[in-house]
Protein backbone atom coordinates (compact mmCIF):
# COMPACT_ATOMS: atom_id res chain seq x y z
CA UNK A 1 9.18 6.22 -26.43
CA UNK A 2 12.57 4.65 -27.20
CA UNK A 3 14.98 2.72 -25.04
CA UNK A 4 18.25 4.42 -24.22
CA UNK A 5 21.41 2.24 -24.53
CA UNK A 6 24.18 3.13 -22.09
CA UNK A 7 27.77 1.87 -22.08
CA UNK A 8 28.52 -1.59 -20.55
CA UNK A 9 30.07 -2.01 -17.13
CA UNK A 10 33.53 -0.50 -17.05
CA UNK A 11 36.55 -2.07 -15.40
CA UNK A 12 36.05 -0.26 -12.12
CA UNK A 13 32.47 -1.48 -11.91
CA UNK A 14 33.54 -5.08 -12.54
CA UNK A 15 36.07 -4.83 -9.73
CA UNK A 16 33.44 -3.36 -7.39
CA UNK A 17 31.19 -6.34 -8.08
CA UNK A 18 33.74 -8.56 -6.32
CA UNK A 19 33.62 -6.64 -3.05
CA UNK A 20 31.89 -7.98 0.05
CA UNK A 21 28.32 -6.79 -0.55
CA UNK A 22 26.76 -7.59 2.80
CA UNK A 23 28.07 -4.40 4.35
CA UNK A 24 25.60 -1.56 4.42
CA UNK A 25 25.72 1.20 1.85
CA UNK A 26 27.90 4.15 2.69
CA UNK A 27 25.83 6.85 4.34
CA UNK A 28 26.88 10.30 3.26
CA UNK A 29 25.03 13.24 1.89
CA UNK A 30 27.39 13.38 -1.05
CA UNK A 31 25.61 10.44 -2.67
CA UNK A 32 22.95 12.84 -3.84
CA UNK A 33 25.44 14.64 -6.06
CA UNK A 34 27.28 11.61 -7.45
CA UNK A 35 27.01 10.62 -11.09
CA UNK A 36 23.95 8.37 -11.00
CA UNK A 37 25.16 6.30 -13.92
CA UNK A 38 28.42 5.16 -12.32
CA UNK A 39 28.89 2.05 -10.20
CA UNK A 40 30.68 2.31 -6.87
CA UNK A 41 31.00 0.63 -3.48
CA UNK A 42 27.76 2.43 -2.61
CA UNK A 43 25.76 -0.20 -4.49
CA UNK A 44 24.94 -3.43 -2.70
CA UNK A 45 24.89 -6.81 -4.40
CA UNK A 46 21.20 -6.90 -5.32
CA UNK A 47 21.43 -3.44 -6.91
CA UNK A 48 24.68 -4.24 -8.73
CA UNK A 49 23.12 -7.44 -10.06
CA UNK A 50 20.13 -5.67 -11.56
CA UNK A 51 22.39 -2.96 -13.02
CA UNK A 52 24.43 -5.73 -14.65
CA UNK A 53 21.27 -7.34 -16.05
CA UNK A 54 20.03 -4.07 -17.56
CA UNK A 55 23.32 -3.62 -19.45
CA UNK A 56 22.81 -6.84 -21.45
CA UNK A 57 19.09 -7.13 -22.09
CA UNK A 58 17.64 -6.08 -25.43
CA UNK A 59 14.70 -3.81 -26.18
CA UNK A 60 12.60 -6.91 -26.81
CA UNK A 61 13.52 -8.31 -23.40
CA UNK A 62 12.75 -5.11 -21.51
CA UNK A 63 9.31 -4.70 -23.13
CA UNK A 64 8.57 -8.40 -22.61
CA UNK A 65 9.49 -8.04 -18.94
CA UNK A 66 7.18 -5.06 -18.57
CA UNK A 67 4.34 -7.05 -20.22
CA UNK A 68 4.86 -9.96 -17.81
CA UNK A 69 4.85 -7.62 -14.81
CA UNK A 70 1.66 -6.10 -16.22
CA UNK A 71 0.08 -9.58 -16.26
CA UNK A 72 0.96 -10.10 -12.59
CA UNK A 73 -0.51 -6.68 -11.76
CA UNK A 74 -3.73 -7.56 -13.54
CA UNK A 75 -4.23 -10.83 -11.64
CA UNK A 76 -3.21 -9.27 -8.32
CA UNK A 77 -5.60 -6.33 -8.71
CA UNK A 78 -8.41 -8.65 -9.84
CA UNK A 79 -7.97 -10.76 -6.71
CA UNK A 80 -7.85 -7.60 -4.61
CA UNK A 81 -11.12 -6.31 -6.10
CA UNK A 82 -12.79 -9.67 -5.48
CA UNK A 83 -11.48 -9.72 -1.91
CA UNK A 84 -12.77 -6.22 -1.17
CA UNK A 85 -16.22 -7.07 -2.54
CA UNK A 86 -16.58 -10.25 -0.47
CA UNK A 87 -15.03 -9.05 2.81
CA UNK A 88 -18.11 -7.41 4.40
CA UNK A 89 -20.27 -10.44 3.69
CA UNK A 90 -17.68 -12.90 5.00
CA UNK A 91 -17.27 -11.04 8.29
CA UNK A 92 -21.05 -10.70 8.53
CA UNK A 93 -21.40 -14.47 8.04
CA UNK A 94 -19.37 -14.86 11.22
CA UNK A 95 -21.64 -12.29 12.93
CA UNK A 96 -18.80 -9.80 13.24
CA UNK A 97 -19.15 -7.14 10.53
CA UNK A 98 -17.92 -4.49 12.97
CA UNK A 99 -14.59 -6.36 13.23
CA UNK A 100 -13.93 -5.72 9.54
CA UNK A 101 -11.84 -2.76 10.67
CA UNK A 102 -9.68 -4.78 13.07
CA UNK A 103 -8.29 -6.86 10.22
CA UNK A 104 -7.80 -3.72 8.15
CA UNK A 105 -5.76 -2.05 10.89
CA UNK A 106 -3.55 -5.10 11.51
CA UNK A 107 -2.94 -5.80 7.84
CA UNK A 108 -2.23 -2.15 7.08
CA UNK A 109 0.29 -1.82 9.93
CA UNK A 110 2.18 -4.98 8.94
CA UNK A 111 1.94 -4.07 5.26
CA UNK A 112 3.40 -0.65 6.08
CA UNK A 113 6.35 -1.99 8.10
CA UNK A 114 7.19 -4.83 5.71
CA UNK A 115 8.68 -2.91 2.72
CA UNK A 116 11.64 -1.46 4.67
CA UNK A 117 13.16 -4.84 5.60
CA UNK A 118 12.03 -6.09 2.19
CA UNK A 119 14.05 -3.25 0.63
CA UNK A 120 17.13 -4.64 2.36
CA UNK A 121 16.34 -8.11 0.99
CA UNK A 122 16.05 -6.66 -2.53
CA UNK A 123 19.29 -4.72 -2.17
CA UNK A 124 21.34 -7.49 -0.51
CA UNK A 125 20.00 -10.64 -2.24
CA UNK A 126 18.03 -9.52 -5.28
CA UNK A 127 14.64 -8.64 -6.78
CA UNK A 128 13.58 -12.22 -7.60
CA UNK A 129 14.28 -13.49 -4.08
CA UNK A 130 12.19 -10.71 -2.55
CA UNK A 131 9.36 -11.30 -5.01
CA UNK A 132 9.27 -15.04 -4.32
CA UNK A 133 9.08 -14.46 -0.57
CA UNK A 134 6.17 -12.01 -0.89
CA UNK A 135 4.37 -14.36 -3.29
CA UNK A 136 4.66 -17.11 -0.67
CA UNK A 137 3.20 -14.84 2.04
CA UNK A 138 0.32 -13.83 -0.23
CA UNK A 139 -0.46 -17.43 -1.20
CA UNK A 140 -0.43 -18.61 2.43
CA UNK A 141 -2.89 -15.85 3.33
CA UNK A 142 -5.22 -16.75 0.46
CA UNK A 143 -5.15 -20.46 1.34
CA UNK A 144 -5.95 -19.63 4.97
CA UNK A 145 -8.89 -17.52 3.81
CA UNK A 146 -10.19 -20.41 1.74
CA UNK A 147 -10.17 -22.86 4.67
CA UNK A 148 -10.95 -20.60 7.67
CA UNK A 149 -13.81 -21.53 10.02
CA UNK A 150 -13.93 -18.51 12.33
CA UNK A 151 -13.46 -14.76 12.14
CA UNK A 152 -10.14 -14.84 14.06
CA UNK A 153 -8.55 -17.08 11.44
CA UNK A 154 -10.05 -14.95 8.68
CA UNK A 155 -8.55 -11.76 10.15
CA UNK A 156 -5.14 -13.46 10.48
CA UNK A 157 -5.40 -14.72 6.89
CA UNK A 158 -6.41 -11.27 5.67
CA UNK A 159 -3.37 -9.78 7.40
CA UNK A 160 -1.03 -12.22 5.66
CA UNK A 161 -2.73 -11.75 2.30
CA UNK A 162 -2.54 -7.97 2.51
CA UNK A 163 1.12 -8.05 3.54
CA UNK A 164 1.85 -10.28 0.54
CA UNK A 165 -0.21 -8.12 -1.80
CA UNK A 166 1.58 -4.94 -0.67
CA UNK A 167 4.93 -6.73 -0.98
CA UNK A 168 4.21 -7.89 -4.53
CA UNK A 169 3.12 -4.40 -5.56
CA UNK A 170 6.23 -2.94 -3.92
CA UNK A 171 8.66 -5.30 -5.68
CA UNK A 172 6.98 -4.66 -9.04
CA UNK A 173 7.37 -0.91 -8.47
CA UNK A 174 11.07 -1.31 -7.64
CA UNK A 175 11.66 -3.44 -10.75
CA UNK A 176 9.88 -0.85 -12.92
CA UNK A 177 12.16 1.78 -11.37
CA UNK A 178 15.17 -0.35 -12.34
CA UNK A 179 13.89 -0.43 -15.93
CA UNK A 180 13.22 3.30 -16.38
CA UNK A 181 14.92 6.68 -16.32
CA UNK A 182 13.82 9.19 -13.69
CA UNK A 183 11.94 11.50 -16.07
CA UNK A 184 9.88 8.66 -17.60
CA UNK A 185 9.45 6.57 -14.46
CA UNK A 186 5.99 7.72 -13.42
CA UNK A 187 4.62 7.02 -16.90
CA UNK A 188 5.41 3.33 -16.53
CA UNK A 189 4.57 3.07 -12.85
CA UNK A 190 1.25 4.62 -13.85
CA UNK A 191 0.81 2.09 -16.68
CA UNK A 192 1.59 -0.78 -14.30
CA UNK A 193 -1.45 0.29 -12.26
CA UNK A 194 -3.88 0.54 -15.19
CA UNK A 195 -5.12 -3.08 -14.81
CA UNK A 196 -7.35 -1.63 -12.10
CA UNK A 197 -9.40 -0.03 -14.89
CA UNK A 198 -10.52 -3.50 -15.97
CA UNK A 199 -10.53 -5.15 -12.54
CA UNK A 200 -12.77 -2.39 -11.19
CA UNK A 201 -15.56 -3.85 -13.34
CA UNK A 202 -14.53 -7.50 -13.49
CA UNK A 203 -13.75 -8.00 -9.78
CA UNK A 204 -17.22 -7.21 -8.36
CA UNK A 205 -18.94 -9.30 -11.06
CA UNK A 206 -16.74 -12.31 -10.30
CA UNK A 207 -17.29 -11.79 -6.57
CA UNK A 208 -21.05 -11.65 -7.11
CA UNK A 209 -20.96 -14.90 -9.13
CA UNK A 210 -18.97 -16.71 -6.45
CA UNK A 211 -21.26 -15.33 -3.72
CA UNK A 212 -24.47 -16.42 -5.46
CA UNK A 213 -23.43 -19.64 -7.18
CA UNK A 214 -20.57 -20.99 -5.07
CA UNK A 215 -18.83 -19.61 -1.96
CA UNK A 216 -15.92 -17.42 -0.95
CA UNK A 217 -13.70 -20.46 -0.32
CA UNK A 218 -13.65 -21.40 -3.99
CA UNK A 219 -13.02 -17.77 -4.89
CA UNK A 220 -9.79 -17.64 -2.88
CA UNK A 221 -8.76 -21.16 -3.87
CA UNK A 222 -9.13 -20.47 -7.58
CA UNK A 223 -7.20 -17.21 -7.46
CA UNK A 224 -4.38 -18.80 -5.48
CA UNK A 225 -3.69 -21.05 -8.47
CA UNK A 226 -4.16 -18.24 -11.01
CA UNK A 227 -1.78 -15.88 -9.17
CA UNK A 228 1.01 -18.46 -8.97
CA UNK A 229 0.63 -19.32 -12.67
CA UNK A 230 0.79 -15.64 -13.69
CA UNK A 231 4.05 -15.07 -11.77
CA UNK A 232 6.05 -17.96 -13.24
CA UNK A 233 6.94 -16.31 -16.63
CA UNK A 234 8.34 -13.09 -15.08
CA UNK A 235 10.32 -15.00 -12.46
CA UNK A 236 11.73 -17.28 -15.17
CA UNK A 237 12.80 -14.35 -17.36
CA UNK A 238 14.57 -12.52 -14.52
CA UNK A 239 16.32 -15.74 -13.48
CA UNK A 240 17.41 -16.38 -17.09
CA UNK A 241 18.84 -12.85 -17.43
CA UNK A 242 20.68 -13.25 -14.13
CA UNK A 243 22.33 -16.47 -15.31
CA UNK A 244 23.22 -14.82 -18.63
CA UNK A 245 24.90 -11.91 -16.83
CA UNK A 246 26.89 -14.40 -14.73
CA UNK A 247 28.02 -16.27 -17.86
CA UNK A 248 29.28 -13.00 -19.36
CA UNK A 249 31.24 -12.21 -16.22
CA UNK A 250 29.18 -9.19 -15.17
CA UNK A 251 28.00 -10.85 -11.97
CA UNK A 252 30.44 -12.71 -9.78
CA UNK A 253 29.50 -15.47 -7.33
CA UNK A 254 29.22 -14.22 -3.79
CA UNK A 255 31.91 -15.80 -1.56
CA UNK A 256 30.69 -18.01 1.26
CA UNK A 257 30.38 -16.19 4.56
CA UNK A 258 31.70 -19.06 6.66
CA UNK A 259 28.90 -18.55 9.18
CA UNK A 260 26.97 -21.40 10.76
CA UNK A 261 23.19 -21.59 10.34
CA UNK A 262 22.64 -20.03 13.77
CA UNK A 263 25.15 -17.27 13.01
CA UNK A 264 23.43 -16.56 9.67
CA UNK A 265 20.02 -16.32 11.35
CA UNK A 266 21.46 -13.94 13.94
CA UNK A 267 23.25 -11.92 11.24
CA UNK A 268 20.13 -11.37 9.13
CA UNK A 269 17.93 -10.68 12.17
CA UNK A 270 20.33 -7.81 12.89
CA UNK A 271 20.61 -6.73 9.23
CA UNK A 272 16.81 -6.57 8.87
CA UNK A 273 16.39 -5.12 12.39
CA UNK A 274 13.57 -7.53 13.21
CA UNK A 275 13.44 -6.30 16.81
CA UNK A 276 12.86 -2.72 15.68
CA UNK A 277 10.10 -3.88 13.31
CA UNK A 278 8.45 -5.88 16.10
CA UNK A 279 8.52 -2.92 18.50
CA UNK A 280 6.94 -0.62 15.90
CA UNK A 281 4.23 -3.15 14.93
CA UNK A 282 3.37 -3.78 18.58
CA UNK A 283 3.23 -0.07 19.35
CA UNK A 284 0.96 0.80 16.44
CA UNK A 285 -1.28 -2.25 16.92
CA UNK A 286 -1.74 -1.82 20.66
CA UNK A 287 -2.42 1.90 20.29
CA UNK A 288 -4.85 1.74 17.35
CA UNK A 289 -6.78 -1.52 17.84
CA UNK A 290 -8.61 -0.41 21.03
CA UNK A 291 -10.50 2.19 19.00
CA UNK A 292 -12.24 -0.63 17.14
CA UNK A 293 -12.42 -3.11 20.03
CA UNK A 294 -13.69 -0.86 22.83
CA UNK A 295 -17.34 -1.13 21.79
CA UNK A 296 -17.18 -4.93 22.22
CA UNK A 297 -15.29 -4.85 25.53
CA UNK A 298 -17.29 -5.71 28.70
CA UNK A 299 -17.01 -2.20 30.18
CA UNK A 300 -16.21 -0.23 27.02
CA UNK A 301 -13.31 2.20 27.40
CA UNK A 302 -13.11 1.41 31.13
CA UNK A 303 -12.20 -2.23 30.45
CA UNK A 304 -8.81 -3.12 31.89
CA UNK A 305 -7.28 -4.62 28.74
CA UNK A 306 -8.39 -1.66 26.61
CA UNK A 307 -6.64 0.77 28.96
CA UNK A 308 -3.57 -1.48 29.13
CA UNK A 309 -3.33 -1.73 25.33
CA UNK A 310 -3.41 2.05 24.90
CA UNK A 311 -0.81 2.66 27.62
CA UNK A 312 1.51 -0.07 26.37
CA UNK A 313 1.12 1.07 22.79
CA UNK A 314 2.08 4.63 23.72
CA UNK A 315 5.09 3.38 25.71
CA UNK A 316 6.45 1.40 22.76
CA UNK A 317 7.08 4.56 20.69
CA UNK A 318 9.82 6.07 22.92
CA UNK A 319 11.28 2.56 23.22
CA UNK A 320 11.33 2.34 19.41
CA UNK A 321 13.06 5.72 19.13
CA UNK A 322 15.73 4.86 21.71
CA UNK A 323 16.37 1.49 20.05
CA UNK A 324 16.62 2.92 16.55
CA UNK A 325 18.57 6.06 17.42
CA UNK A 326 20.93 4.72 20.09
CA UNK A 327 21.05 0.93 20.30
CA UNK A 328 20.21 -0.79 16.98
CA UNK A 329 23.33 -2.12 15.18
CA UNK A 330 21.47 -1.64 11.88
CA UNK A 331 18.59 0.84 11.75
CA UNK A 332 15.19 -0.23 10.44
CA UNK A 333 14.22 3.42 9.95
CA UNK A 334 16.74 5.39 7.82
CA UNK A 335 16.87 8.55 9.94
CA UNK A 336 19.29 10.33 7.57
CA UNK A 337 16.54 10.51 4.95
CA UNK A 338 14.09 12.01 7.44
CA UNK A 339 16.34 15.08 7.61
CA UNK A 340 15.71 15.91 3.93
CA UNK A 341 12.65 18.11 3.45
CA UNK A 342 11.66 16.63 0.09
CA UNK A 343 11.76 13.05 1.38
CA UNK A 344 10.02 13.61 4.72
CA UNK A 345 7.49 15.99 3.11
CA UNK A 346 6.64 13.42 0.43
CA UNK A 347 6.26 10.67 3.03
CA UNK A 348 4.02 12.80 5.25
CA UNK A 349 1.86 13.78 2.26
CA UNK A 350 1.20 10.11 1.46
CA UNK A 351 0.39 9.42 5.11
CA UNK A 352 -2.05 12.32 5.36
CA UNK A 353 -3.70 11.39 2.07
CA UNK A 354 -4.45 7.85 3.23
CA UNK A 355 -5.47 9.01 6.69
CA UNK A 356 -7.96 11.45 5.21
CA UNK A 357 -9.43 8.92 2.76
CA UNK A 358 -9.72 5.92 5.07
CA UNK A 359 -11.31 7.95 7.85
CA UNK A 360 -14.55 7.73 5.87
CA UNK A 361 -13.80 5.28 3.04
CA UNK A 362 -13.24 2.29 5.38
CA UNK A 363 -16.99 1.78 5.75
CA UNK A 364 -18.29 3.62 2.69
CA UNK A 365 -18.86 0.39 0.75
CA UNK A 366 -20.95 -1.05 3.60
CA UNK A 367 -22.77 2.27 3.84
CA UNK A 368 -23.81 2.12 0.17
CA UNK A 369 -25.02 -1.48 0.51
CA UNK A 370 -27.32 -0.58 3.40
CA UNK A 371 -28.37 3.05 2.89
CA UNK A 372 -28.57 3.15 -0.91
CA UNK A 373 -29.57 -0.53 -1.25
CA UNK A 374 -26.96 -1.10 -3.92
CA UNK A 375 -26.02 -4.60 -5.07
CA UNK A 376 -22.50 -5.91 -4.50
CA UNK A 377 -21.67 -5.11 -8.12
CA UNK A 378 -23.06 -1.57 -8.13
CA UNK A 379 -21.60 -0.60 -4.76
CA UNK A 380 -18.21 -1.95 -5.83
CA UNK A 381 -18.38 0.07 -9.05
CA UNK A 382 -19.14 3.24 -7.10
CA UNK A 383 -16.38 2.73 -4.54
CA UNK A 384 -13.90 1.60 -7.19
CA UNK A 385 -14.46 4.80 -9.15
CA UNK A 386 -11.75 6.11 -6.83
CA UNK A 387 -9.16 3.56 -8.04
CA UNK A 388 -10.49 3.63 -11.61
CA UNK A 389 -9.92 7.38 -11.84
CA UNK A 390 -6.51 7.13 -10.20
CA UNK A 391 -5.44 4.38 -12.61
CA UNK A 392 -6.64 6.26 -15.68
CA UNK A 393 -4.89 9.50 -14.79
CA UNK A 394 -1.66 7.89 -13.49
CA UNK A 395 0.07 7.62 -16.89
CA UNK A 396 -1.30 11.01 -17.97
CA UNK A 397 0.23 12.69 -14.92
CA UNK A 398 3.43 10.75 -15.63
CA UNK A 399 3.55 12.16 -19.16
CA UNK A 400 2.92 15.66 -17.77
CA UNK A 401 5.83 15.39 -15.33
CA UNK A 402 8.09 13.87 -18.02
CA UNK A 403 7.27 16.75 -20.37
CA UNK A 404 7.55 19.64 -17.88
CA UNK A 405 10.00 18.16 -15.37
CA UNK A 406 7.90 19.71 -12.58
CA UNK A 407 6.13 17.86 -9.78
CA UNK A 408 5.90 20.36 -6.90
CA UNK A 409 3.39 22.79 -8.39
CA UNK A 410 1.46 19.90 -9.87
CA UNK A 411 1.06 18.46 -6.36
CA UNK A 412 -0.52 21.67 -5.08
CA UNK A 413 -3.38 21.24 -7.57
CA UNK A 414 -4.48 18.00 -5.90
CA UNK A 415 -5.40 19.63 -2.59
CA UNK A 416 -8.60 21.49 -3.62
CA UNK A 417 -9.70 18.52 -5.75
CA UNK A 418 -9.59 16.04 -2.85
CA UNK A 419 -11.14 18.56 -0.46
CA UNK A 420 -14.06 19.26 -2.80
CA UNK A 421 -14.65 15.57 -3.50
CA UNK A 422 -14.73 14.66 0.21
CA UNK A 423 -16.94 17.58 1.21
CA UNK A 424 -19.49 16.92 -1.55
CA UNK A 425 -20.27 13.46 -0.16
CA UNK A 426 -21.90 15.10 2.88
CA UNK A 427 -24.97 16.47 1.01
CA UNK A 428 -25.13 13.40 -1.26
CA UNK A 429 -25.07 10.66 1.39
CA UNK A 430 -28.86 10.25 1.67
CA UNK A 431 -30.76 7.16 0.37
CA UNK A 432 -32.33 9.24 -2.41
CA UNK A 433 -29.05 10.77 -3.63
CA UNK A 434 -28.41 10.32 -7.38
CA UNK A 435 -25.84 7.60 -7.99
CA UNK A 436 -24.20 9.83 -10.59
CA UNK A 437 -23.33 12.46 -7.97
CA UNK A 438 -21.92 9.84 -5.60
CA UNK A 439 -19.77 8.56 -8.47
CA UNK A 440 -18.64 12.12 -9.22
CA UNK A 441 -17.41 12.61 -5.64
CA UNK A 442 -15.35 9.42 -5.94
CA UNK A 443 -13.96 10.67 -9.27
CA UNK A 444 -12.75 13.88 -7.62
CA UNK A 445 -11.17 12.11 -4.65
CA UNK A 446 -9.51 9.58 -6.96
CA UNK A 447 -8.09 12.29 -9.22
CA UNK A 448 -6.74 14.38 -6.35
CA UNK A 449 -5.27 11.36 -4.59
CA UNK A 450 -3.51 10.24 -7.78
CA UNK A 451 -1.98 13.69 -8.17
CA UNK A 452 -0.61 13.35 -4.62
CA UNK A 453 0.55 9.78 -5.22
CA UNK A 454 2.33 10.48 -8.51
CA UNK A 455 4.03 13.67 -7.40
CA UNK A 456 5.12 12.33 -4.00
CA UNK A 457 6.52 9.15 -5.61
CA UNK A 458 8.76 11.04 -8.05
CA UNK A 459 9.67 13.63 -5.40
CA UNK A 460 10.97 11.02 -2.99
CA UNK A 461 13.13 9.33 -5.67
CA UNK A 462 14.57 12.47 -7.29
CA UNK A 463 17.24 13.32 -4.64
CA UNK A 464 18.75 9.80 -4.32
CA UNK A 465 20.87 7.33 -6.31
CA UNK A 466 19.80 3.92 -7.60
CA UNK A 467 20.99 2.28 -4.34
CA UNK A 468 18.36 4.09 -2.30
CA UNK A 469 15.34 3.80 -4.62
CA UNK A 470 13.99 0.72 -2.81
CA UNK A 471 14.56 2.28 0.62
CA UNK A 472 12.85 5.61 -0.04
CA UNK A 473 9.90 3.89 -1.72
CA UNK A 474 9.61 1.68 1.37
CA UNK A 475 9.81 4.76 3.60
CA UNK A 476 6.92 6.31 1.68
CA UNK A 477 5.02 3.06 2.06
CA UNK A 478 5.63 3.07 5.82
CA UNK A 479 4.17 6.55 6.24
CA UNK A 480 1.29 5.71 3.90
CA UNK A 481 0.51 2.51 5.76
CA UNK A 482 0.66 4.17 9.17
CA UNK A 483 -1.58 6.97 7.86
CA UNK A 484 -4.04 4.41 6.52
CA UNK A 485 -3.96 2.49 9.83
CA UNK A 486 -4.71 5.68 11.76
CA UNK A 487 -7.53 6.43 9.30
CA UNK A 488 -8.93 2.92 9.81
CA UNK A 489 -8.65 3.38 13.59
CA UNK A 490 -10.54 6.68 13.48
CA UNK A 491 -13.20 5.14 11.26
CA UNK A 492 -13.46 2.06 13.49
CA UNK A 493 -13.71 4.15 16.64
CA UNK A 494 -16.54 6.25 15.21
CA UNK A 495 -18.39 3.39 13.50
CA UNK A 496 -18.13 0.84 16.31
CA UNK A 497 -18.71 3.21 19.22
CA UNK A 498 -21.19 5.75 17.86
CA UNK A 499 -23.53 3.66 15.67
CA UNK A 500 -24.61 1.18 18.40
CA UNK A 501 -25.49 4.11 20.64
CA UNK A 502 -27.32 5.87 17.81
CA UNK A 503 -29.28 2.70 17.01
CA UNK A 504 -30.35 2.28 20.63
CA UNK A 505 -31.56 5.87 20.68
CA UNK A 506 -33.41 5.68 17.37
CA UNK A 507 -34.89 2.16 17.28
CA UNK A 508 -38.48 1.64 18.49
CA UNK A 509 -38.81 0.16 21.98
CA UNK A 510 -39.65 -3.30 20.64
CA UNK A 511 -36.38 -3.45 18.68
CA UNK A 512 -33.95 -1.80 21.09
CA UNK A 513 -32.93 -5.17 22.54
CA UNK A 514 -31.78 -6.22 19.06
CA UNK A 515 -29.55 -3.17 18.50
CA UNK A 516 -26.31 -5.15 18.90
CA UNK A 517 -27.49 -7.89 16.53
CA UNK A 518 -28.60 -5.35 13.93
CA UNK A 519 -25.28 -3.49 14.17
CA UNK A 520 -23.24 -6.69 13.73
CA UNK A 521 -24.98 -7.97 10.59
CA UNK A 522 -25.00 -6.09 7.30
CA UNK A 523 -27.77 -8.27 5.87
CA UNK A 524 -30.15 -7.51 8.76
CA UNK A 525 -29.47 -3.78 8.42
CA UNK A 526 -30.46 -3.87 4.74
CA UNK A 527 -33.50 -6.14 5.29
CA UNK A 528 -35.87 -3.59 6.83
CA UNK A 529 -38.52 -2.25 4.46
CA UNK A 530 -38.54 1.43 3.53
CA UNK A 531 -40.72 3.52 5.80
CA UNK A 532 -40.49 1.19 8.82
CA UNK A 533 -39.20 2.64 12.12
CA UNK A 534 -36.28 0.20 12.03
CA UNK A 535 -35.26 1.33 8.55
CA UNK A 536 -35.45 4.99 9.57
CA UNK A 537 -33.34 4.26 12.65
CA UNK A 538 -30.65 2.48 10.61
CA UNK A 539 -30.54 5.24 7.98
CA UNK A 540 -30.44 7.97 10.63
CA UNK A 541 -27.68 6.32 12.66
CA UNK A 542 -25.40 5.51 9.72
CA UNK A 543 -25.95 8.89 8.00
CA UNK A 544 -25.14 10.83 11.16
CA UNK A 545 -21.89 8.96 11.80
CA UNK A 546 -20.82 9.06 8.13
CA UNK A 547 -21.24 12.85 8.16
CA UNK A 548 -18.83 13.14 11.10
CA UNK A 549 -16.34 10.78 9.45
CA UNK A 550 -16.36 12.89 6.28
CA UNK A 551 -15.79 16.10 8.23
CA UNK A 552 -12.83 14.49 10.01
CA UNK A 553 -11.35 13.39 6.67
CA UNK A 554 -11.76 16.78 5.02
CA UNK A 555 -10.19 18.57 7.99
CA UNK A 556 -6.83 16.91 7.30
CA UNK A 557 -6.41 18.33 3.80
CA UNK A 558 -4.95 21.74 4.75
CA UNK A 559 -1.97 19.95 6.33
CA UNK A 560 -1.05 18.70 2.87
CA UNK A 561 -0.11 22.26 1.85
CA UNK A 562 2.66 22.29 4.47
CA UNK A 563 3.96 18.92 3.27
CA UNK A 564 4.32 20.04 -0.37
CA UNK A 565 5.86 23.35 0.76
CA UNK A 566 8.88 21.47 2.21
CA UNK A 567 9.80 19.93 -1.18
CA UNK A 568 12.73 21.18 -3.23
CA UNK A 569 11.62 22.28 -6.68
CA UNK A 570 13.69 19.66 -8.55
CA UNK A 571 13.29 19.46 -12.32
CA UNK A 572 13.49 15.75 -13.20
CA UNK A 573 14.46 16.51 -16.81
CA UNK A 574 17.39 18.73 -15.87
CA UNK A 575 18.73 16.62 -13.00
CA UNK A 576 19.49 13.66 -15.27
CA UNK A 577 21.03 15.94 -17.87
CA UNK A 578 23.34 17.35 -15.20
CA UNK A 579 24.09 14.22 -13.12
CA UNK A 580 23.54 11.32 -15.53
CA UNK A 581 20.89 8.63 -15.50
CA UNK A 582 19.81 7.34 -12.10
CA UNK A 583 19.58 3.78 -13.42
CA UNK A 584 22.06 1.94 -15.68
CA UNK A 585 22.08 0.17 -19.03
CA UNK A 586 19.24 -0.26 -21.49
CA UNK A 587 16.30 1.45 -19.79
CA UNK A 588 13.15 3.18 -20.97
């Protein structure tokens, strides 16, 4: 792999850098057919800045930058693996294991909506500014986790942490896109995710050590410091290259707007469409949270606030559409992209993939701890086989797409793989099932999901110019996050509403009064000796509900065929030969 050196900024590009960059990019369908390598008024300041930086950095700088981003990915994924391993036990320590899903839904919704306004921040202000903001959000969430004293604070902290984690991953992906040509992009995005291969094994072990020899507070406190330290070198390098580009006259200082502080706040609230984001978050949250909360409500689904949440949530969606389509000065949701089959099909595929997986995967880790009596380390290894497989095959699939130029027919191959992997869990969900077969099912689901992820990512970027890379990636993230949130909601509804009823039906008379306590505490569920009526009741209840969750997940797979069918069969090798490179300067 060699870096390709393109010509420096021409005179027209230097003039365009002086234009007022706070106006939105020109929206016309002709941008798809423009020469990707040229600069124009289409590019906003943040994009023009990074294009200027890539024209002056050397091969050594670009590979060093990738190495530093890889370091951040490693620490971030390690913290994420530790967090996932400790979460069930932390919520159980508050006597609220069933509420594990509530935090997942909230964090997934906010994490899904965040990248679109973040894309505007990256395009208007710059990559470093967006990264610093998301690092701050992540750190605040981790600190709150370390000091929380109740489950409500822990859920709020988890929501902030997840939003920051998703934001950091998103900014790293955008920067890698800036550094690469279209045909080679998925190779390096795939490589940036390979730290999960190591963190899959290291994360659970570290979590187990903190759980047994210290506590979760020290775990989050230590990784807060480690994450900040790992980010400093990459931030410093990008800042240095920015100043160098300014010294060489490739980046010009942005003129002062002349606005007051209040006017600036109002301006950026409109630019980022914060009202539209709030309406969407409220709608999704109010509609999906009742599925996890109803079992704890005084009168179940008949409880007044549960009914009110569902009705209000449903009402927010037409309000969101009217605001975005008719009233919003600046749209949060880029509707013009939703009219392109390749872009909307790619986004829907990601959403369906996550919806299918999280319908059963949301509680699969807890299921293995109780039913199969696995340790934290072993259960984490089994569940993380999914991400391990995806990380291993990511670069391989990237090389395949780079070599053939094809992604559409490759995507079709993922459908039977995911379907088979999900369906095979049904016969191998018993306590006596061989661990090897459970691992194999996770391998299949991970492989199929990575095929979807890789192909949809390149498909959504192929029809657009450099200006819109951040936006379409954020759009894909929105659909993926909403799909995951719906999957979490389905899982929460089934787990929290069906298992308590199943336990009451299956437990012996002497233990029926303790059904709620048993359901709410993972440790109690796993404490019953094999052969006891209580153990049989727990196994029977969880196995029955998990079977239904798996069937629901598998049933969504056929819809993926329709999503891939809508894609244009774009050859990523030929499109750059015909239209020029999508990115500019010295890229990989």
